[in-house]
């Protein structure tokens, strides 16, 4: 057992992360492009500029437009053109087109020739798209989005934890107590940045080694939820002792092959998150 734990500790910085899948983009935007202005780059006027934004400029523009739909500033069923986007944000045609593609690939808009981009109702959007989730978390829809995602987690993660106890490879099973122990050290010492990275890693490992490829595909969503709770100030200044205990119980269950222990402890973790979010 000790050798397995030593190898697990050594591998903490070497484990791969599950990446979100991209949705294919459609090609209709060129049809609304005939009356375009030139492609001269300018600094955007009401979104973060390219030097300051931590994300590509077209993503920042797409996010602002998506939030406009969510906040009903851009009403579903109404349209804007690429020229409108260029003029509003003082950006090039290329950037405007890329932003429009991002919206279209998330099914937030449809594109019609000679009309432009038509906003769609939220129930038409790709709800499990990580970009859509981030847009909603950056809007007034954030609490509802966190609640719905937490309910999804509650349906999935306890089962994933139980399955990981039965199906995870020995290396992963040995790694889980190491992660839980490191989470406690970082949490109790107040190193919250390191703690949150370990927390995301912990839940990734559970989902990725449950033996269910659909659970694995949900890992990026759980990452966003965990980060979103921190960004929205819904995480305590220091992790609660019962949350740390529950993570250690999940880890113990997976290490020992005790599916019920892992399942019940994960249920406690996620249900506590749901209660905290509801009460916020």
C-alpha atoms as a PDB file:
ATOM      1  CA  UNK A   1       0.000   0.000   0.000  1.00  0.00           C
ATOM      2  CA  UNK A   2       2.764   2.465   0.881  1.00  0.00           C
ATOM      3  CA  UNK A   3       4.502   1.930  -2.466  1.00  0.00           C
ATOM      4  CA  UNK A   4       1.277   2.656  -4.313  1.00  0.00           C
ATOM      5  CA  UNK A   5       0.769   5.851  -2.317  1.00  0.00           C
ATOM      6  CA  UNK A   6       4.349   6.967  -2.956  1.00  0.00           C
ATOM      7  CA  UNK A   7       3.892   6.484  -6.687  1.00  0.00           C
ATOM      8  CA  UNK A   8       0.588   8.322  -6.512  1.00  0.00           C
ATOM      9  CA  UNK A   9       2.218  11.253  -4.711  1.00  0.00           C
ATOM     10  CA  UNK A  10       4.973  11.431  -7.304  1.00  0.00           C
ATOM     11  CA  UNK A  11       2.405  11.542 -10.097  1.00  0.00           C
ATOM     12  CA  UNK A  12       0.326  14.424  -8.737  1.00  0.00           C
ATOM     13  CA  UNK A  13       1.630  16.852 -11.339  1.00  0.00           C
ATOM     14  CA  UNK A  14       1.641  14.384 -14.228  1.00  0.00           C
ATOM     15  CA  UNK A  15      -1.985  13.269 -14.589  1.00  0.00           C
ATOM     16  CA  UNK A  16      -3.764  14.275 -17.820  1.00  0.00           C
ATOM     17  CA  UNK A  17      -6.802  16.513 -17.676  1.00  0.00           C
ATOM     18  CA  UNK A  18      -9.980  15.742 -19.600  1.00  0.00           C
ATOM     19  CA  UNK A  19     -10.566  18.351 -22.288  1.00  0.00           C
ATOM     20  CA  UNK A  20     -13.945  19.692 -23.352  1.00  0.00           C
ATOM     21  CA  UNK A  21     -15.133  18.654 -26.801  1.00  0.00           C
ATOM     22  CA  UNK A  22     -15.642  21.371 -29.411  1.00  0.00           C
ATOM     23  CA  UNK A  23     -18.847  21.680 -31.372  1.00  0.00           C
ATOM     24  CA  UNK A  24     -18.495  21.879 -35.179  1.00  0.00           C
ATOM     25  CA  UNK A  25     -19.087  25.316 -36.644  1.00  0.00           C
ATOM     26  CA  UNK A  26     -21.485  25.916 -39.497  1.00  0.00           C
ATOM     27  CA  UNK A  27     -20.587  27.790 -42.678  1.00  0.00           C
ATOM     28  CA  UNK A  28     -23.531  30.068 -43.379  1.00  0.00           C
ATOM     29  CA  UNK A  29     -21.962  33.284 -42.077  1.00  0.00           C
ATOM     30  CA  UNK A  30     -20.293  34.035 -45.392  1.00  0.00           C
ATOM     31  CA  UNK A  31     -23.755  34.522 -46.870  1.00  0.00           C
ATOM     32  CA  UNK A  32     -24.481  37.545 -44.652  1.00  0.00           C
ATOM     33  CA  UNK A  33     -21.094  39.052 -45.489  1.00  0.00           C
ATOM     34  CA  UNK A  34     -21.665  40.712 -48.852  1.00  0.00           C
ATOM     35  CA  UNK A  35     -21.936  44.327 -47.649  1.00  0.00           C
ATOM     36  CA  UNK A  36     -19.007  44.191 -45.239  1.00  0.00           C
ATOM     37  CA  UNK A  37     -16.651  46.942 -44.237  1.00  0.00           C
ATOM     38  CA  UNK A  38     -12.908  46.410 -44.371  1.00  0.00           C
ATOM     39  CA  UNK A  39     -10.923  44.176 -42.061  1.00  0.00           C
ATOM     40  CA  UNK A  40      -9.050  46.931 -40.217  1.00  0.00           C
ATOM     41  CA  UNK A  41      -8.378  46.039 -36.568  1.00  0.00           C
ATOM     42  CA  UNK A  42      -9.514  48.501 -33.899  1.00  0.00           C
ATOM     43  CA  UNK A  43      -9.809  48.357 -30.147  1.00  0.00           C
ATOM     44  CA  UNK A  44     -13.303  47.280 -29.006  1.00  0.00           C
ATOM     45  CA  UNK A  45     -15.410  49.951 -27.351  1.00  0.00           C
ATOM     46  CA  UNK A  46     -17.652  48.122 -24.887  1.00  0.00           C
ATOM     47  CA  UNK A  47     -15.811  44.837 -24.304  1.00  0.00           C
ATOM     48  CA  UNK A  48     -12.345  44.055 -22.888  1.00  0.00           C
ATOM     49  CA  UNK A  49      -9.593  44.999 -25.340  1.00  0.00           C
ATOM     50  CA  UNK A  50      -7.234  42.390 -26.684  1.00  0.00           C
ATOM     51  CA  UNK A  51      -4.353  43.493 -24.454  1.00  0.00           C
ATOM     52  CA  UNK A  52      -6.377  43.220 -21.267  1.00  0.00           C
ATOM     53  CA  UNK A  53      -8.710  40.303 -21.947  1.00  0.00           C
ATOM     54  CA  UNK A  54      -7.605  36.889 -20.626  1.00  0.00           C
ATOM     55  CA  UNK A  55      -9.483  35.266 -23.524  1.00  0.00           C
ATOM     56  CA  UNK A  56      -9.312  35.827 -27.299  1.00  0.00           C
ATOM     57  CA  UNK A  57     -11.075  38.977 -28.450  1.00  0.00           C
ATOM     58  CA  UNK A  58     -13.756  37.181 -30.430  1.00  0.00           C
ATOM     59  CA  UNK A  59     -14.640  35.114 -27.345  1.00  0.00           C
ATOM     60  CA  UNK A  60     -15.053  38.291 -25.297  1.00  0.00           C
ATOM     61  CA  UNK A  61     -17.308  39.771 -27.981  1.00  0.00           C
ATOM     62  CA  UNK A  62     -19.347  36.557 -28.285  1.00  0.00           C
ATOM     63  CA  UNK A  63     -19.778  36.427 -24.505  1.00  0.00           C
ATOM     64  CA  UNK A  64     -21.087  40.003 -24.377  1.00  0.00           C
ATOM     65  CA  UNK A  65     -23.562  39.283 -27.174  1.00  0.00           C
ATOM     66  CA  UNK A  66     -24.680  36.052 -25.493  1.00  0.00           C
ATOM     67  CA  UNK A  67     -25.213  37.882 -22.208  1.00  0.00           C
ATOM     68  CA  UNK A  68     -27.250  40.472 -24.100  1.00  0.00           C
ATOM     69  CA  UNK A  69     -29.605  37.676 -25.151  1.00  0.00           C
ATOM     70  CA  UNK A  70     -29.724  36.204 -21.645  1.00  0.00           C
ATOM     71  CA  UNK A  71     -30.463  39.641 -20.150  1.00  0.00           C
ATOM     72  CA  UNK A  72     -33.099  40.359 -22.856  1.00  0.00           C
ATOM     73  CA  UNK A  73     -31.200  43.335 -24.237  1.00  0.00           C
ATOM     74  CA  UNK A  74     -31.081  41.421 -27.515  1.00  0.00           C
ATOM     75  CA  UNK A  75     -34.554  39.955 -27.842  1.00  0.00           C
ATOM     76  CA  UNK A  76     -34.947  36.418 -29.244  1.00  0.00           C
ATOM     77  CA  UNK A  77     -36.301  36.555 -32.766  1.00  0.00           C
ATOM     78  CA  UNK A  78     -34.614  39.858 -33.588  1.00  0.00           C
ATOM     79  CA  UNK A  79     -31.487  40.186 -35.698  1.00  0.00           C
ATOM     80  CA  UNK A  80     -28.194  42.033 -35.945  1.00  0.00           C
ATOM     81  CA  UNK A  81     -25.608  42.031 -38.722  1.00  0.00           C
ATOM     82  CA  UNK A  82     -21.873  41.588 -38.808  1.00  0.00           C
ATOM     83  CA  UNK A  83     -21.639  45.305 -39.544  1.00  0.00           C
ATOM     84  CA  UNK A  84     -23.550  45.992 -36.314  1.00  0.00           C
ATOM     85  CA  UNK A  85     -21.055  43.885 -34.370  1.00  0.00           C
ATOM     86  CA  UNK A  86     -18.089  45.578 -36.043  1.00  0.00           C
ATOM     87  CA  UNK A  87     -19.364  49.055 -35.311  1.00  0.00           C
ATOM     88  CA  UNK A  88     -20.405  48.356 -31.731  1.00  0.00           C
ATOM     89  CA  UNK A  89     -17.116  46.805 -30.650  1.00  0.00           C
ATOM     90  CA  UNK A  90     -14.801  48.626 -33.091  1.00  0.00           C
ATOM     91  CA  UNK A  91     -13.383  45.336 -34.347  1.00  0.00           C
ATOM     92  CA  UNK A  92     -12.400  43.862 -37.681  1.00  0.00           C
ATOM     93  CA  UNK A  93     -14.645  41.845 -39.938  1.00  0.00           C
ATOM     94  CA  UNK A  94     -12.627  38.740 -39.116  1.00  0.00           C
ATOM     95  CA  UNK A  95     -13.143  39.102 -35.372  1.00  0.00           C
ATOM     96  CA  UNK A  96     -16.859  39.840 -35.832  1.00  0.00           C
ATOM     97  CA  UNK A  97     -17.230  36.730 -37.978  1.00  0.00           C
ATOM     98  CA  UNK A  98     -15.400  34.561 -35.422  1.00  0.00           C
ATOM     99  CA  UNK A  99     -17.639  35.881 -32.642  1.00  0.00           C
ATOM    100  CA  UNK A 100     -20.696  35.097 -34.737  1.00  0.00           C
ATOM    101  CA  UNK A 101     -19.394  31.556 -35.350  1.00  0.00           C
ATOM    102  CA  UNK A 102     -18.987  31.066 -31.584  1.00  0.00           C
ATOM    103  CA  UNK A 103     -22.619  32.056 -31.020  1.00  0.00           C
ATOM    104  CA  UNK A 104     -23.829  29.917 -33.892  1.00  0.00           C
ATOM    105  CA  UNK A 105     -21.892  26.832 -32.775  1.00  0.00           C
ATOM    106  CA  UNK A 106     -23.618  27.078 -29.373  1.00  0.00           C
ATOM    107  CA  UNK A 107     -27.009  27.399 -31.078  1.00  0.00           C
ATOM    108  CA  UNK A 108     -27.473  30.821 -29.499  1.00  0.00           C
ATOM    109  CA  UNK A 109     -28.229  32.303 -32.916  1.00  0.00           C
ATOM    110  CA  UNK A 110     -29.161  31.208 -36.395  1.00  0.00           C
ATOM    111  CA  UNK A 111     -27.854  32.918 -39.500  1.00  0.00           C
ATOM    112  CA  UNK A 112     -30.018  33.897 -42.457  1.00  0.00           C
ATOM    113  CA  UNK A 113     -28.895  35.371 -45.741  1.00  0.00           C
ATOM    114  CA  UNK A 114     -29.630  39.116 -46.042  1.00  0.00           C
ATOM    115  CA  UNK A 115     -30.959  39.124 -42.459  1.00  0.00           C
ATOM    116  CA  UNK A 116     -27.986  38.417 -40.215  1.00  0.00           C
ATOM    117  CA  UNK A 117     -27.763  36.760 -36.805  1.00  0.00           C
ATOM    118  CA  UNK A 118     -31.114  35.977 -35.216  1.00  0.00           C
ATOM    119  CA  UNK A 119     -31.133  35.422 -31.446  1.00  0.00           C
ATOM    120  CA  UNK A 120     -32.689  32.206 -30.152  1.00  0.00           C
ATOM    121  CA  UNK A 121     -34.507  31.448 -26.907  1.00  0.00           C
ATOM    122  CA  UNK A 122     -32.332  29.982 -24.137  1.00  0.00           C
ATOM    123  CA  UNK A 123     -34.078  26.619 -24.334  1.00  0.00           C
ATOM    124  CA  UNK A 124     -32.690  26.231 -27.864  1.00  0.00           C
ATOM    125  CA  UNK A 125     -29.071  26.717 -26.758  1.00  0.00           C
ATOM    126  CA  UNK A 126     -26.715  23.765 -26.238  1.00  0.00           C
ATOM    127  CA  UNK A 127     -27.127  23.604 -22.483  1.00  0.00           C
ATOM    128  CA  UNK A 128     -24.197  21.250 -21.865  1.00  0.00           C
ATOM    129  CA  UNK A 129     -21.781  23.279 -23.974  1.00  0.00           C
ATOM    130  CA  UNK A 130     -19.078  24.569 -21.645  1.00  0.00           C
ATOM    131  CA  UNK A 131     -19.066  27.948 -23.378  1.00  0.00           C
ATOM    132  CA  UNK A 132     -22.821  28.339 -22.855  1.00  0.00           C
ATOM    133  CA  UNK A 133     -22.413  27.469 -19.184  1.00  0.00           C
ATOM    134  CA  UNK A 134     -19.710  30.087 -18.750  1.00  0.00           C
ATOM    135  CA  UNK A 135     -21.856  32.716 -20.475  1.00  0.00           C
ATOM    136  CA  UNK A 136     -24.712  31.997 -18.091  1.00  0.00           C
ATOM    137  CA  UNK A 137     -22.419  32.060 -15.061  1.00  0.00           C
ATOM    138  CA  UNK A 138     -21.297  35.540 -16.069  1.00  0.00           C
ATOM    139  CA  UNK A 139     -24.871  36.818 -16.230  1.00  0.00           C
ATOM    140  CA  UNK A 140     -27.806  37.303 -13.877  1.00  0.00           C
ATOM    141  CA  UNK A 141     -28.666  33.669 -14.666  1.00  0.00           C
ATOM    142  CA  UNK A 142     -25.660  32.494 -12.632  1.00  0.00           C
ATOM    143  CA  UNK A 143     -27.475  31.179  -9.552  1.00  0.00           C
ATOM    144  CA  UNK A 144     -30.004  29.196 -11.552  1.00  0.00           C
ATOM    145  CA  UNK A 145     -27.204  27.778 -13.684  1.00  0.00           C
ATOM    146  CA  UNK A 146     -25.208  26.719 -10.616  1.00  0.00           C
ATOM    147  CA  UNK A 147     -28.295  25.062  -9.150  1.00  0.00           C
ATOM    148  CA  UNK A 148     -29.149  23.100 -12.286  1.00  0.00           C
ATOM    149  CA  UNK A 149     -25.550  21.976 -12.715  1.00  0.00           C
ATOM    150  CA  UNK A 150     -25.333  20.970  -9.063  1.00  0.00           C
ATOM    151  CA  UNK A 151     -28.476  18.871  -9.468  1.00  0.00           C
ATOM    152  CA  UNK A 152     -26.808  17.194 -12.450  1.00  0.00           C
ATOM    153  CA  UNK A 153     -23.752  16.568 -10.301  1.00  0.00           C
ATOM    154  CA  UNK A 154     -25.927  15.068  -7.583  1.00  0.00           C
ATOM    155  CA  UNK A 155     -27.400  12.629 -10.087  1.00  0.00           C
ATOM    156  CA  UNK A 156     -24.010  11.654 -11.518  1.00  0.00           C
ATOM    157  CA  UNK A 157     -21.095  12.036  -9.113  1.00  0.00           C
ATOM    158  CA  UNK A 158     -22.199   9.673  -6.310  1.00  0.00           C
ATOM    159  CA  UNK A 159     -22.689   6.900  -8.879  1.00  0.00           C
ATOM    160  CA  UNK A 160     -19.362   7.789 -10.489  1.00  0.00           C
ATOM    161  CA  UNK A 161     -17.622   7.585  -7.107  1.00  0.00           C
ATOM    162  CA  UNK A 162     -19.141   4.181  -6.400  1.00  0.00           C
ATOM    163  CA  UNK A 163     -18.162   2.961  -9.863  1.00  0.00           C
ATOM    164  CA  UNK A 164     -14.622   4.308  -9.449  1.00  0.00           C
ATOM    165  CA  UNK A 165     -14.288   2.219  -6.279  1.00  0.00           C
ATOM    166  CA  UNK A 166     -15.021  -0.836  -8.397  1.00  0.00           C
ATOM    167  CA  UNK A 167     -13.383  -0.016 -11.718  1.00  0.00           C
ATOM    168  CA  UNK A 168     -10.568   2.510 -11.246  1.00  0.00           C
ATOM    169  CA  UNK A 169      -7.038   1.221 -11.855  1.00  0.00           C
ATOM    170  CA  UNK A 170      -4.788   0.703  -8.865  1.00  0.00           C
ATOM    171  CA  UNK A 171      -2.758   3.825  -9.627  1.00  0.00           C
ATOM    172  CA  UNK A 172      -5.892   5.989  -9.442  1.00  0.00           C
ATOM    173  CA  UNK A 173      -7.209   4.250  -6.347  1.00  0.00           C
ATOM    174  CA  UNK A 174      -3.891   4.907  -4.591  1.00  0.00           C
ATOM    175  CA  UNK A 175      -3.874   8.506  -5.783  1.00  0.00           C
ATOM    176  CA  UNK A 176      -7.232   9.461  -4.256  1.00  0.00           C
ATOM    177  CA  UNK A 177      -6.171   9.393  -0.555  1.00  0.00           C
ATOM    178  CA  UNK A 178      -3.087  11.397  -1.489  1.00  0.00           C
ATOM    179  CA  UNK A 179      -5.233  14.061  -3.162  1.00  0.00           C
ATOM    180  CA  UNK A 180      -7.625  14.164  -0.198  1.00  0.00           C
ATOM    181  CA  UNK A 181      -4.710  14.512   2.235  1.00  0.00           C
ATOM    182  CA  UNK A 182      -3.176  17.332   0.204  1.00  0.00           C
ATOM    183  CA  UNK A 183      -6.565  19.053   0.032  1.00  0.00           C
ATOM    184  CA  UNK A 184      -6.783  19.011   3.809  1.00  0.00           C
ATOM    185  CA  UNK A 185      -3.264  20.424   4.183  1.00  0.00           C
ATOM    186  CA  UNK A 186      -3.857  23.227   1.715  1.00  0.00           C
ATOM    187  CA  UNK A 187      -7.350  23.978   2.992  1.00  0.00           C
ATOM    188  CA  UNK A 188      -6.382  24.139   6.647  1.00  0.00           C
ATOM    189  CA  UNK A 189      -3.314  26.259   5.880  1.00  0.00           C
ATOM    190  CA  UNK A 190      -5.388  28.765   3.914  1.00  0.00           C
ATOM    191  CA  UNK A 191      -3.730  28.087   0.546  1.00  0.00           C
ATOM    192  CA  UNK A 192      -7.066  28.230  -1.257  1.00  0.00           C
ATOM    193  CA  UNK A 193      -5.663  28.535  -4.770  1.00  0.00           C
ATOM    194  CA  UNK A 194      -3.820  25.236  -4.401  1.00  0.00           C
ATOM    195  CA  UNK A 195      -6.810  23.715  -2.604  1.00  0.00           C
ATOM    196  CA  UNK A 196      -9.215  24.533  -5.427  1.00  0.00           C
ATOM    197  CA  UNK A 197      -6.868  23.101  -8.045  1.00  0.00           C
ATOM    198  CA  UNK A 198      -6.677  19.885  -6.053  1.00  0.00           C
ATOM    199  CA  UNK A 199     -10.461  19.847  -5.631  1.00  0.00           C
ATOM    200  CA  UNK A 200     -10.962  20.072  -9.392  1.00  0.00           C
ATOM    201  CA  UNK A 201      -8.365  17.345  -9.880  1.00  0.00           C
ATOM    202  CA  UNK A 202     -10.102  15.142  -7.306  1.00  0.00           C
ATOM    203  CA  UNK A 203     -13.481  15.294  -9.039  1.00  0.00           C
ATOM    204  CA  UNK A 204     -11.890  14.870 -12.463  1.00  0.00           C
ATOM    205  CA  UNK A 205     -10.260  11.649 -11.314  1.00  0.00           C
ATOM    206  CA  UNK A 206     -13.531  10.277  -9.983  1.00  0.00           C
ATOM    207  CA  UNK A 207     -15.454  10.969 -13.180  1.00  0.00           C
ATOM    208  CA  UNK A 208     -12.641   9.968 -15.516  1.00  0.00           C
ATOM    209  CA  UNK A 209     -12.091   6.597 -13.854  1.00  0.00           C
ATOM    210  CA  UNK A 210     -15.686   5.592 -13.214  1.00  0.00           C
ATOM    211  CA  UNK A 211     -15.682   3.321 -16.250  1.00  0.00           C
ATOM    212  CA  UNK A 212     -18.507   5.345 -17.821  1.00  0.00           C
ATOM    213  CA  UNK A 213     -17.497   7.421 -20.841  1.00  0.00           C
ATOM    214  CA  UNK A 214     -20.515   9.712 -20.429  1.00  0.00           C
ATOM    215  CA  UNK A 215     -19.459  10.561 -16.888  1.00  0.00           C
ATOM    216  CA  UNK A 216     -15.972  11.283 -18.220  1.00  0.00           C
ATOM    217  CA  UNK A 217     -17.467  13.677 -20.777  1.00  0.00           C
ATOM    218  CA  UNK A 218     -19.103  15.645 -17.947  1.00  0.00           C
ATOM    219  CA  UNK A 219     -15.793  16.352 -16.239  1.00  0.00           C
ATOM    220  CA  UNK A 220     -15.270  19.763 -17.906  1.00  0.00           C
ATOM    221  CA  UNK A 221     -18.718  20.847 -16.700  1.00  0.00           C
ATOM    222  CA  UNK A 222     -17.872  19.953 -13.118  1.00  0.00           C
ATOM    223  CA  UNK A 223     -14.624  21.909 -13.474  1.00  0.00           C
ATOM    224  CA  UNK A 224     -16.624  24.981 -14.485  1.00  0.00           C
ATOM    225  CA  UNK A 225     -19.059  24.565 -11.580  1.00  0.00           C
ATOM    226  CA  UNK A 226     -16.240  24.301  -9.056  1.00  0.00           C
ATOM    227  CA  UNK A 227     -14.500  27.359 -10.509  1.00  0.00           C
ATOM    228  CA  UNK A 228     -17.809  29.202 -10.755  1.00  0.00           C
ATOM    229  CA  UNK A 229     -18.552  28.747  -7.058  1.00  0.00           C
ATOM    230  CA  UNK A 230     -15.216  30.350  -6.233  1.00  0.00           C
ATOM    231  CA  UNK A 231     -15.694  33.206  -8.715  1.00  0.00           C
ATOM    232  CA  UNK A 232     -19.182  33.924  -7.381  1.00  0.00           C
ATOM    233  CA  UNK A 233     -18.000  33.971  -3.758  1.00  0.00           C
ATOM    234  CA  UNK A 234     -20.030  30.885  -2.839  1.00  0.00           C
ATOM    235  CA  UNK A 235     -17.106  29.011  -1.321  1.00  0.00           C
ATOM    236  CA  UNK A 236     -16.184  29.566   2.336  1.00  0.00           C
ATOM    237  CA  UNK A 237     -12.975  31.365   3.238  1.00  0.00           C
ATOM    238  CA  UNK A 238     -11.699  28.023   4.478  1.00  0.00           C
ATOM    239  CA  UNK A 239     -13.085  24.598   3.556  1.00  0.00           C
ATOM    240  CA  UNK A 240     -15.508  23.211   6.115  1.00  0.00           C
ATOM    241  CA  UNK A 241     -14.158  20.289   8.179  1.00  0.00           C
ATOM    242  CA  UNK A 242     -17.094  18.072   7.209  1.00  0.00           C
ATOM    243  CA  UNK A 243     -16.359  18.702   3.506  1.00  0.00           C
ATOM    244  CA  UNK A 244     -12.721  17.724   4.024  1.00  0.00           C
ATOM    245  CA  UNK A 245     -13.833  14.635   5.934  1.00  0.00           C
ATOM    246  CA  UNK A 246     -16.237  13.697   3.150  1.00  0.00           C
ATOM    247  CA  UNK A 247     -13.532  13.971   0.495  1.00  0.00           C
ATOM    248  CA  UNK A 248     -11.327  11.705   2.589  1.00  0.00           C
ATOM    249  CA  UNK A 249     -14.204   9.223   2.878  1.00  0.00           C
ATOM    250  CA  UNK A 250     -14.698   9.221  -0.893  1.00  0.00           C
ATOM    251  CA  UNK A 251     -10.978   8.607  -1.301  1.00  0.00           C
ATOM    252  CA  UNK A 252     -11.015   5.836   1.291  1.00  0.00           C
ATOM    253  CA  UNK A 253     -13.960   4.167  -0.402  1.00  0.00           C
ATOM    254  CA  UNK A 254     -12.240   4.222  -3.789  1.00  0.00           C
ATOM    255  CA  UNK A 255      -8.929   3.001  -2.338  1.00  0.00           C
ATOM    256  CA  UNK A 256     -10.562   0.135  -0.463  1.00  0.00           C
ATOM    257  CA  UNK A 257     -13.068  -0.741  -3.183  1.00  0.00           C
ATOM    258  CA  UNK A 258     -15.994   0.207  -0.935  1.00  0.00           C
ATOM    259  CA  UNK A 259     -18.529   1.506  -3.454  1.00  0.00           C
ATOM    260  CA  UNK A 260     -21.194   2.350  -0.868  1.00  0.00           C
ATOM    261  CA  UNK A 261     -18.813   4.450   1.223  1.00  0.00           C
ATOM    262  CA  UNK A 262     -17.622   6.367  -1.841  1.00  0.00           C
ATOM    263  CA  UNK A 263     -21.193   6.870  -3.072  1.00  0.00           C
ATOM    264  CA  UNK A 264     -22.555   8.107   0.252  1.00  0.00           C
ATOM    265  CA  UNK A 265     -19.639  10.456   0.936  1.00  0.00           C
ATOM    266  CA  UNK A 266     -19.903  12.015  -2.533  1.00  0.00           C
ATOM    267  CA  UNK A 267     -23.635  12.464  -2.016  1.00  0.00           C
ATOM    268  CA  UNK A 268     -22.847  14.418   1.160  1.00  0.00           C
ATOM    269  CA  UNK A 269     -20.355  16.638  -0.682  1.00  0.00           C
ATOM    270  CA  UNK A 270     -22.636  17.569  -3.570  1.00  0.00           C
ATOM    271  CA  UNK A 271     -25.799  17.872  -1.482  1.00  0.00           C
ATOM    272  CA  UNK A 272     -24.006  20.356   0.768  1.00  0.00           C
ATOM    273  CA  UNK A 273     -23.104  22.367  -2.325  1.00  0.00           C
ATOM    274  CA  UNK A 274     -26.745  22.389  -3.420  1.00  0.00           C
ATOM    275  CA  UNK A 275     -27.909  23.604  -0.015  1.00  0.00           C
ATOM    276  CA  UNK A 276     -25.292  26.349   0.081  1.00  0.00           C
ATOM    277  CA  UNK A 277     -26.230  27.527  -3.403  1.00  0.00           C
ATOM    278  CA  UNK A 278     -29.939  27.547  -2.624  1.00  0.00           C
ATOM    279  CA  UNK A 279     -29.336  29.608   0.513  1.00  0.00           C
ATOM    280  CA  UNK A 280     -27.020  32.120  -1.150  1.00  0.00           C
END
